[in-house]
Amino acid sequence: EQADISQDVKVKPGSYPRVCCCRKKCLLFNDVVLIIATLHTGFSRTARSFEMILVGRFLEGIAAGRTPH
């Protein structure tokens, strides 16, 4: 039987994964995604690849959406 975490800690119904993995781990993972996105965008000129800019911008969008509020 699975315990109801919302009774132990006051959380919003949709925020279980953030509570489960801790705020610090989520922020560190988000920083890693942003660093990868920055490297893709930065090295796109050296590689002469427009697709790397698109991948970098896509990853930046994911990282911006994952920031905890």
PDB file of N, CA and C in Angstrom:
ATOM      1  N   GLU A   1       0.839  -1.173   0.000  1.00  0.00           N
ATOM      2  CA  GLU A   1       0.000   0.000   0.000  1.00  0.00           C
ATOM      3  C   GLU A   1       0.888   1.242   0.000  1.00  0.00           C
ATOM      4  N   GLN A   2       0.642   2.132  -0.921  1.00  0.00           N
ATOM      5  CA  GLN A   2       1.464   3.327  -1.069  1.00  0.00           C
ATOM      6  C   GLN A   2       0.987   4.410  -0.111  1.00  0.00           C
ATOM      7  N   ALA A   3       1.929   5.004   0.601  1.00  0.00           N
ATOM      8  CA  ALA A   3       1.596   6.057   1.548  1.00  0.00           C
ATOM      9  C   ALA A   3       1.283   7.350   0.810  1.00  0.00           C
ATOM     10  N   ASP A   4       0.369   8.108   1.342  1.00  0.00           N
ATOM     11  CA  ASP A   4       0.000   9.381   0.737  1.00  0.00           C
ATOM     12  C   ASP A   4       0.938  10.462   1.253  1.00  0.00           C
ATOM     13  N   ILE A   5       1.823  10.933   0.389  1.00  0.00           N
ATOM     14  CA  ILE A   5       2.833  11.910   0.804  1.00  0.00           C
ATOM     15  C   ILE A   5       2.225  13.278   1.060  1.00  0.00           C
ATOM     16  N   SER A   6       1.085  13.570   0.457  1.00  0.00           N
ATOM     17  CA  SER A   6       0.503  14.896   0.629  1.00  0.00           C
ATOM     18  C   SER A   6      -0.007  15.124   2.047  1.00  0.00           C
ATOM     19  N   GLN A   7      -0.219  14.067   2.820  1.00  0.00           N
ATOM     20  CA  GLN A   7      -0.644  14.246   4.202  1.00  0.00           C
ATOM     21  C   GLN A   7       0.546  14.559   5.101  1.00  0.00           C
ATOM     22  N   ASP A   8       1.714  14.002   4.794  1.00  0.00           N
ATOM     23  CA  ASP A   8       2.892  14.229   5.613  1.00  0.00           C
ATOM     24  C   ASP A   8       3.478  15.623   5.395  1.00  0.00           C
ATOM     25  N   VAL A   9       3.581  16.021   4.159  1.00  0.00           N
ATOM     26  CA  VAL A   9       4.167  17.308   3.803  1.00  0.00           C
ATOM     27  C   VAL A   9       3.119  18.073   3.013  1.00  0.00           C
ATOM     28  N   LYS A  10       3.015  19.363   3.269  1.00  0.00           N
ATOM     29  CA  LYS A  10       2.032  20.160   2.537  1.00  0.00           C
ATOM     30  C   LYS A  10       2.571  20.454   1.142  1.00  0.00           C
ATOM     31  N   VAL A  11       2.030  19.754   0.154  1.00  0.00           N
ATOM     32  CA  VAL A  11       2.465  19.898  -1.232  1.00  0.00           C
ATOM     33  C   VAL A  11       1.260  20.065  -2.136  1.00  0.00           C
ATOM     34  N   LYS A  12       1.510  20.676  -3.268  1.00  0.00           N
ATOM     35  CA  LYS A  12       0.475  20.767  -4.280  1.00  0.00           C
ATOM     36  C   LYS A  12       0.323  19.396  -4.929  1.00  0.00           C
ATOM     37  N   PRO A  13      -0.856  19.058  -5.437  1.00  0.00           N
ATOM     38  CA  PRO A  13      -1.069  17.722  -6.003  1.00  0.00           C
ATOM     39  C   PRO A  13      -0.143  17.369  -7.161  1.00  0.00           C
ATOM     40  N   GLY A  14       0.241  18.319  -7.998  1.00  0.00           N
ATOM     41  CA  GLY A  14       1.067  18.005  -9.157  1.00  0.00           C
ATOM     42  C   GLY A  14       2.554  18.100  -8.927  1.00  0.00           C
ATOM     43  N   SER A  15       2.996  18.307  -7.702  1.00  0.00           N
ATOM     44  CA  SER A  15       4.412  18.557  -7.471  1.00  0.00           C
ATOM     45  C   SER A  15       5.122  17.404  -6.771  1.00  0.00           C
ATOM     46  N   TYR A  16       4.634  16.199  -6.883  1.00  0.00           N
ATOM     47  CA  TYR A  16       5.258  15.055  -6.203  1.00  0.00           C
ATOM     48  C   TYR A  16       6.698  14.787  -6.645  1.00  0.00           C
ATOM     49  N   PRO A  17       7.032  14.779  -7.957  1.00  0.00           N
ATOM     50  CA  PRO A  17       8.423  14.478  -8.326  1.00  0.00           C
ATOM     51  C   PRO A  17       9.425  15.469  -7.760  1.00  0.00           C
ATOM     52  N   ARG A  18       9.055  16.726  -7.663  1.00  0.00           N
ATOM     53  CA  ARG A  18       9.980  17.721  -7.145  1.00  0.00           C
ATOM     54  C   ARG A  18      10.238  17.476  -5.656  1.00  0.00           C
ATOM     55  N   VAL A  19       9.222  17.087  -4.914  1.00  0.00           N
ATOM     56  CA  VAL A  19       9.395  16.808  -3.495  1.00  0.00           C
ATOM     57  C   VAL A  19      10.194  15.527  -3.322  1.00  0.00           C
ATOM     58  N   CYS A  20       9.934  14.558  -4.191  1.00  0.00           N
ATOM     59  CA  CYS A  20      10.587  13.250  -4.083  1.00  0.00           C
ATOM     60  C   CYS A  20      12.083  13.355  -4.305  1.00  0.00           C
ATOM     61  N   CYS A  21      12.521  14.061  -5.349  1.00  0.00           N
ATOM     62  CA  CYS A  21      13.954  14.107  -5.618  1.00  0.00           C
ATOM     63  C   CYS A  21      14.675  15.274  -5.004  1.00  0.00           C
ATOM     64  N   CYS A  22      14.065  16.049  -4.215  1.00  0.00           N
ATOM     65  CA  CYS A  22      14.685  17.187  -3.539  1.00  0.00           C
ATOM     66  C   CYS A  22      14.885  18.362  -4.491  1.00  0.00           C
ATOM     67  N   ARG A  23      14.871  19.517  -3.931  1.00  0.00           N
ATOM     68  CA  ARG A  23      14.994  20.743  -4.722  1.00  0.00           C
ATOM     69  C   ARG A  23      16.415  20.921  -5.239  1.00  0.00           C
ATOM     70  N   LYS A  24      17.401  20.581  -4.427  1.00  0.00           N
ATOM     71  CA  LYS A  24      18.798  20.777  -4.829  1.00  0.00           C
ATOM     72  C   LYS A  24      19.166  19.908  -6.029  1.00  0.00           C
ATOM     73  N   LYS A  25      18.719  18.663  -6.039  1.00  0.00           N
ATOM     74  CA  LYS A  25      19.030  17.772  -7.163  1.00  0.00           C
ATOM     75  C   LYS A  25      18.369  18.258  -8.442  1.00  0.00           C
ATOM     76  N   CYS A  26      17.147  18.762  -8.327  1.00  0.00           N
ATOM     77  CA  CYS A  26      16.457  19.294  -9.508  1.00  0.00           C
ATOM     78  C   CYS A  26      17.188  20.515 -10.067  1.00  0.00           C
ATOM     79  N   LEU A  27      17.656  21.381  -9.180  1.00  0.00           N
ATOM     80  CA  LEU A  27      18.393  22.563  -9.642  1.00  0.00           C
ATOM     81  C   LEU A  27      19.728  22.174 -10.286  1.00  0.00           C
ATOM     82  N   LEU A  28      20.413  21.197  -9.707  1.00  0.00           N
ATOM     83  CA  LEU A  28      21.683  20.746 -10.296  1.00  0.00           C
ATOM     84  C   LEU A  28      21.459  20.107 -11.665  1.00  0.00           C
ATOM     85  N   PHE A  29      20.402  19.299 -11.795  1.00  0.00           N
ATOM     86  CA  PHE A  29      20.092  18.694 -13.087  1.00  0.00           C
ATOM     87  C   PHE A  29      19.744  19.772 -14.105  1.00  0.00           C
ATOM     88  N   ASN A  30      19.018  20.785 -13.672  1.00  0.00           N
ATOM     89  CA  ASN A  30      18.656  21.883 -14.560  1.00  0.00           C
ATOM     90  C   ASN A  30      19.904  22.644 -15.015  1.00  0.00           C
ATOM     91  N   ASP A  31      20.869  22.822 -14.116  1.00  0.00           N
ATOM     92  CA  ASP A  31      22.122  23.491 -14.485  1.00  0.00           C
ATOM     93  C   ASP A  31      22.900  22.680 -15.517  1.00  0.00           C
ATOM     94  N   VAL A  32      22.891  21.370 -15.378  1.00  0.00           N
ATOM     95  CA  VAL A  32      23.586  20.511 -16.353  1.00  0.00           C
ATOM     96  C   VAL A  32      22.942  20.659 -17.733  1.00  0.00           C
ATOM     97  N   VAL A  33      21.613  20.683 -17.769  1.00  0.00           N
ATOM     98  CA  VAL A  33      20.912  20.857 -19.049  1.00  0.00           C
ATOM     99  C   VAL A  33      21.253  22.212 -19.661  1.00  0.00           C
ATOM    100  N   LEU A  34      21.317  23.257 -18.840  1.00  0.00           N
ATOM    101  CA  LEU A  34      21.661  24.585 -19.352  1.00  0.00           C
ATOM    102  C   LEU A  34      23.099  24.654 -19.861  1.00  0.00           C
ATOM    103  N   ILE A  35      24.015  23.976 -19.181  1.00  0.00           N
ATOM    104  CA  ILE A  35      25.412  23.962 -19.646  1.00  0.00           C
ATOM    105  C   ILE A  35      25.514  23.248 -20.988  1.00  0.00           C
ATOM    106  N   ILE A  36      24.815  22.132 -21.140  1.00  0.00           N
ATOM    107  CA  ILE A  36      24.829  21.409 -22.420  1.00  0.00           C
ATOM    108  C   ILE A  36      24.226  22.284 -23.519  1.00  0.00           C
ATOM    109  N   ALA A  37      23.142  22.987 -23.209  1.00  0.00           N
ATOM    110  CA  ALA A  37      22.511  23.872 -24.199  1.00  0.00           C
ATOM    111  C   ALA A  37      23.452  25.005 -24.600  1.00  0.00           C
ATOM    112  N   THR A  38      24.159  25.568 -23.626  1.00  0.00           N
ATOM    113  CA  THR A  38      25.094  26.647 -23.916  1.00  0.00           C
ATOM    114  C   THR A  38      26.252  26.164 -24.780  1.00  0.00           C
ATOM    115  N   LEU A  39      26.748  24.970 -24.493  1.00  0.00           N
ATOM    116  CA  LEU A  39      27.835  24.412 -25.312  1.00  0.00           C
ATOM    117  C   LEU A  39      27.375  24.163 -26.750  1.00  0.00           C
ATOM    118  N   HIS A  40      26.158  23.660 -26.909  1.00  0.00           N
ATOM    119  CA  HIS A  40      25.645  23.455 -28.270  1.00  0.00           C
ATOM    120  C   HIS A  40      25.544  24.778 -29.019  1.00  0.00           C
ATOM    121  N   THR A  41      25.007  25.780 -28.356  1.00  0.00           N
ATOM    122  CA  THR A  41      24.866  27.080 -29.012  1.00  0.00           C
ATOM    123  C   THR A  41      26.221  27.713 -29.286  1.00  0.00           C
ATOM    124  N   GLY A  42      27.143  27.583 -28.356  1.00  0.00           N
ATOM    125  CA  GLY A  42      28.460  28.205 -28.513  1.00  0.00           C
ATOM    126  C   GLY A  42      29.317  27.566 -29.589  1.00  0.00           C
ATOM    127  N   PHE A  43      29.266  26.242 -29.689  1.00  0.00           N
ATOM    128  CA  PHE A  43      30.101  25.547 -30.669  1.00  0.00           C
ATOM    129  C   PHE A  43      29.439  25.415 -32.039  1.00  0.00           C
ATOM    130  N   SER A  44      28.249  25.971 -32.191  1.00  0.00           N
ATOM    131  CA  SER A  44      27.571  25.849 -33.481  1.00  0.00           C
ATOM    132  C   SER A  44      28.292  26.630 -34.579  1.00  0.00           C
ATOM    133  N   ARG A  45      28.924  27.739 -34.215  1.00  0.00           N
ATOM    134  CA  ARG A  45      29.649  28.520 -35.220  1.00  0.00           C
ATOM    135  C   ARG A  45      30.914  27.783 -35.653  1.00  0.00           C
ATOM    136  N   THR A  46      31.616  27.181 -34.690  1.00  0.00           N
ATOM    137  CA  THR A  46      32.835  26.427 -35.016  1.00  0.00           C
ATOM    138  C   THR A  46      32.510  25.230 -35.898  1.00  0.00           C
ATOM    139  N   ALA A  47      31.413  24.554 -35.580  1.00  0.00           N
ATOM    140  CA  ALA A  47      31.028  23.372 -36.360  1.00  0.00           C
ATOM    141  C   ALA A  47      30.273  23.734 -37.631  1.00  0.00           C
ATOM    142  N   ARG A  48      29.933  25.020 -37.763  1.00  0.00           N
ATOM    143  CA  ARG A  48      29.136  25.504 -38.904  1.00  0.00           C
ATOM    144  C   ARG A  48      27.862  24.681 -39.069  1.00  0.00           C
ATOM    145  N   SER A  49      27.152  24.541 -37.940  1.00  0.00           N
ATOM    146  CA  SER A  49      25.941  23.735 -37.933  1.00  0.00           C
ATOM    147  C   SER A  49      24.795  24.541 -37.345  1.00  0.00           C
ATOM    148  N   PHE A  50      23.805  24.826 -38.171  1.00  0.00           N
ATOM    149  CA  PHE A  50      22.617  25.541 -37.713  1.00  0.00           C
ATOM    150  C   PHE A  50      21.773  24.670 -36.797  1.00  0.00           C
ATOM    151  N   GLU A  51      21.830  23.353 -37.004  1.00  0.00           N
ATOM    152  CA  GLU A  51      21.046  22.434 -36.191  1.00  0.00           C
ATOM    153  C   GLU A  51      21.476  22.459 -34.727  1.00  0.00           C
ATOM    154  N   MET A  52      22.761  22.728 -34.479  1.00  0.00           N
ATOM    155  CA  MET A  52      23.225  22.802 -33.093  1.00  0.00           C
ATOM    156  C   MET A  52      22.586  23.981 -32.366  1.00  0.00           C
ATOM    157  N   ILE A  53      22.336  25.078 -33.080  1.00  0.00           N
ATOM    158  CA  ILE A  53      21.636  26.207 -32.472  1.00  0.00           C
ATOM    159  C   ILE A  53      20.218  25.795 -32.091  1.00  0.00           C
ATOM    160  N   LEU A  54      19.564  25.060 -32.979  1.00  0.00           N
ATOM    161  CA  LEU A  54      18.198  24.614 -32.695  1.00  0.00           C
ATOM    162  C   LEU A  54      18.160  23.677 -31.495  1.00  0.00           C
ATOM    163  N   VAL A  55      19.112  22.750 -31.413  1.00  0.00           N
ATOM    164  CA  VAL A  55      19.165  21.825 -30.277  1.00  0.00           C
ATOM    165  C   VAL A  55      19.438  22.604 -28.991  1.00  0.00           C
ATOM    166  N   GLY A  56      20.346  23.559 -29.052  1.00  0.00           N
ATOM    167  CA  GLY A  56      20.650  24.358 -27.877  1.00  0.00           C
ATOM    168  C   GLY A  56      19.453  25.157 -27.406  1.00  0.00           C
ATOM    169  N   ARG A  57      18.742  25.761 -28.333  1.00  0.00           N
ATOM    170  CA  ARG A  57      17.550  26.534 -27.955  1.00  0.00           C
ATOM    171  C   ARG A  57      16.455  25.629 -27.405  1.00  0.00           C
ATOM    172  N   PHE A  58      16.321  24.447 -27.962  1.00  0.00           N
ATOM    173  CA  PHE A  58      15.331  23.495 -27.468  1.00  0.00           C
ATOM    174  C   PHE A  58      15.649  23.088 -26.031  1.00  0.00           C
ATOM    175  N   LEU A  59      16.922  22.800 -25.761  1.00  0.00           N
ATOM    176  CA  LEU A  59      17.318  22.427 -24.404  1.00  0.00           C
ATOM    177  C   LEU A  59      17.163  23.598 -23.431  1.00  0.00           C
ATOM    178  N   GLU A  60      17.419  24.808 -23.892  1.00  0.00           N
ATOM    179  CA  GLU A  60      17.207  25.979 -23.034  1.00  0.00           C
ATOM    180  C   GLU A  60      15.731  26.126 -22.678  1.00  0.00           C
ATOM    181  N   GLY A  61      14.863  25.831 -23.622  1.00  0.00           N
ATOM    182  CA  GLY A  61      13.427  25.887 -23.346  1.00  0.00           C
ATOM    183  C   GLY A  61      12.996  24.848 -22.337  1.00  0.00           C
ATOM    184  N   ILE A  62      13.567  23.653 -22.441  1.00  0.00           N
ATOM    185  CA  ILE A  62      13.255  22.608 -21.463  1.00  0.00           C
ATOM    186  C   ILE A  62      13.745  23.026 -20.087  1.00  0.00           C
ATOM    187  N   ALA A  63      14.943  23.567 -20.019  1.00  0.00           N
ATOM    188  CA  ALA A  63      15.492  23.987 -18.728  1.00  0.00           C
ATOM    189  C   ALA A  63      14.689  25.134 -18.129  1.00  0.00           C
ATOM    190  N   ALA A  64      14.200  26.036 -18.971  1.00  0.00           N
ATOM    191  CA  ALA A  64      13.398  27.149 -18.462  1.00  0.00           C
ATOM    192  C   ALA A  64      12.058  26.659 -17.927  1.00  0.00           C
ATOM    193  N   GLY A  65      11.526  25.612 -18.514  1.00  0.00           N
ATOM    194  CA  GLY A  65      10.262  25.066 -18.041  1.00  0.00           C
ATOM    195  C   GLY A  65      10.405  24.214 -16.800  1.00  0.00           C
ATOM    196  N   ARG A  66      11.604  23.723 -16.524  1.00  0.00           N
ATOM    197  CA  ARG A  66      11.812  22.847 -15.371  1.00  0.00           C
ATOM    198  C   ARG A  66      12.223  23.588 -14.118  1.00  0.00           C
ATOM    199  N   THR A  67      12.412  24.894 -14.176  1.00  0.00           N
ATOM    200  CA  THR A  67      12.838  25.618 -12.976  1.00  0.00           C
ATOM    201  C   THR A  67      11.745  25.549 -11.919  1.00  0.00           C
ATOM    202  N   PRO A  68      12.101  25.158 -10.701  1.00  0.00           N
ATOM    203  CA  PRO A  68      11.083  25.080  -9.653  1.00  0.00           C
ATOM    204  C   PRO A  68      10.626  26.458  -9.225  1.00  0.00           C
ATOM    205  N   HIS A  69       9.360  26.587  -8.958  1.00  0.00           N
ATOM    206  CA  HIS A  69       8.800  27.883  -8.576  1.00  0.00           C
ATOM    207  C   HIS A  69       8.730  28.011  -7.087  1.00  0.00           C
TER     208      HIS A  69
END
